[in-house]
Amino acid sequence: MRSSARKRVFNLRRTRNMKDVVKEIKDAVSAGKANEVKAKLSEAYKAIDKAAKRGVIKKNTASRKKSRLSALLKKSAQ
């Protein structure tokens, strides 16, 4: 139980980090800050990949999230 509780803290931290970065990107897109989005995109990819690597999310979920973020960036650039 102790090890599960410890791992839960790490998993929650990774999940929160991933969600925060994605939220920042979506807010920046809605505000029309395209150059800020490009800078945050690599940070989001890093957080998503780390979450997938550690088993917090599955590989296909990570791919889907990254794909949707890049599509959002592409759409906002138009």
Protein backbone atom coordinates (compact mmCIF):
# COMPACT_ATOMS: atom_id res chain seq x y z
CA MET A 1 0.00 0.00 0.00
CA ARG A 2 2.83 2.39 0.78
CA SER A 3 4.46 1.89 -2.60
CA SER A 4 1.11 2.33 -4.36
CA ALA A 5 0.51 5.57 -2.49
CA ARG A 6 3.98 6.80 -3.44
CA LYS A 7 3.51 5.89 -7.11
CA ARG A 8 0.08 7.56 -7.07
CA VAL A 9 1.73 10.85 -6.11
CA PHE A 10 4.16 10.63 -9.02
CA ASN A 11 1.39 9.63 -11.44
CA LEU A 12 -0.82 12.50 -10.31
CA ARG A 13 2.09 14.91 -10.74
CA ARG A 14 2.71 13.70 -14.31
CA THR A 15 -0.99 13.86 -15.15
CA ARG A 16 -1.36 17.36 -13.70
CA ASN A 17 1.73 18.58 -15.56
CA MET A 18 0.44 17.18 -18.84
CA LYS A 19 -3.04 18.66 -18.40
CA ASP A 20 -1.67 22.06 -17.40
CA VAL A 21 0.51 22.36 -20.49
CA VAL A 22 -2.33 21.28 -22.79
CA LYS A 23 -4.62 23.79 -21.13
CA GLU A 24 -2.04 26.58 -21.57
CA ILE A 25 -1.82 25.77 -25.28
CA LYS A 26 -5.60 25.82 -25.70
CA ASP A 27 -5.84 29.13 -23.85
CA ALA A 28 -3.08 30.63 -25.99
CA VAL A 29 -4.83 29.45 -29.18
CA SER A 30 -8.11 31.01 -28.11
CA ALA A 31 -6.25 34.24 -27.26
CA GLY A 32 -4.58 34.22 -30.69
CA LYS A 33 -0.97 33.91 -29.53
CA ALA A 34 0.42 31.65 -32.25
CA ASN A 35 4.11 32.18 -31.44
CA GLU A 36 3.51 31.26 -27.78
CA VAL A 37 1.76 28.07 -28.88
CA LYS A 38 4.73 26.95 -30.95
CA ALA A 39 7.02 27.40 -27.96
CA LYS A 40 4.70 25.43 -25.67
CA LEU A 41 4.12 22.61 -28.16
CA SER A 42 7.47 20.91 -27.51
CA GLU A 43 6.88 21.21 -23.77
CA ALA A 44 3.49 19.53 -24.19
CA TYR A 45 4.98 16.74 -26.31
CA LYS A 46 7.59 16.14 -23.61
CA ALA A 47 4.97 15.93 -20.85
CA ILE A 48 2.73 13.64 -22.91
CA ASP A 49 5.62 11.35 -23.85
CA LYS A 50 6.78 11.09 -20.25
CA ALA A 51 3.26 10.19 -19.13
CA ALA A 52 3.07 7.50 -21.81
CA LYS A 53 6.52 6.17 -21.00
CA ARG A 54 5.65 5.72 -17.34
CA GLY A 55 2.26 4.13 -18.05
CA VAL A 56 0.12 7.01 -16.83
CA ILE A 57 -1.56 7.08 -20.24
CA LYS A 58 -1.41 4.56 -23.08
CA LYS A 59 0.70 5.00 -26.20
CA ASN A 60 -2.26 5.54 -28.53
CA THR A 61 -3.76 8.09 -26.14
CA ALA A 62 -0.47 9.99 -26.21
CA SER A 63 -0.43 9.90 -30.01
CA ARG A 64 -4.01 11.13 -30.17
CA LYS A 65 -3.33 14.02 -27.79
CA LYS A 66 -0.24 15.09 -29.73
CA SER A 67 -2.10 14.83 -33.03
CA ARG A 68 -4.97 16.96 -31.79
CA LEU A 69 -2.59 19.59 -30.43
CA SER A 70 -0.76 19.84 -33.74
CA ALA A 71 -4.08 20.03 -35.60
CA LEU A 72 -5.16 22.82 -33.26
CA LEU A 73 -1.93 24.69 -33.97
CA LYS A 74 -2.38 24.23 -37.71
CA LYS A 75 -5.98 25.43 -37.51
CA SER A 76 -5.02 28.50 -35.48
CA ALA A 77 -2.31 29.45 -37.99
CA GLN A 78 -4.86 29.83 -40.79
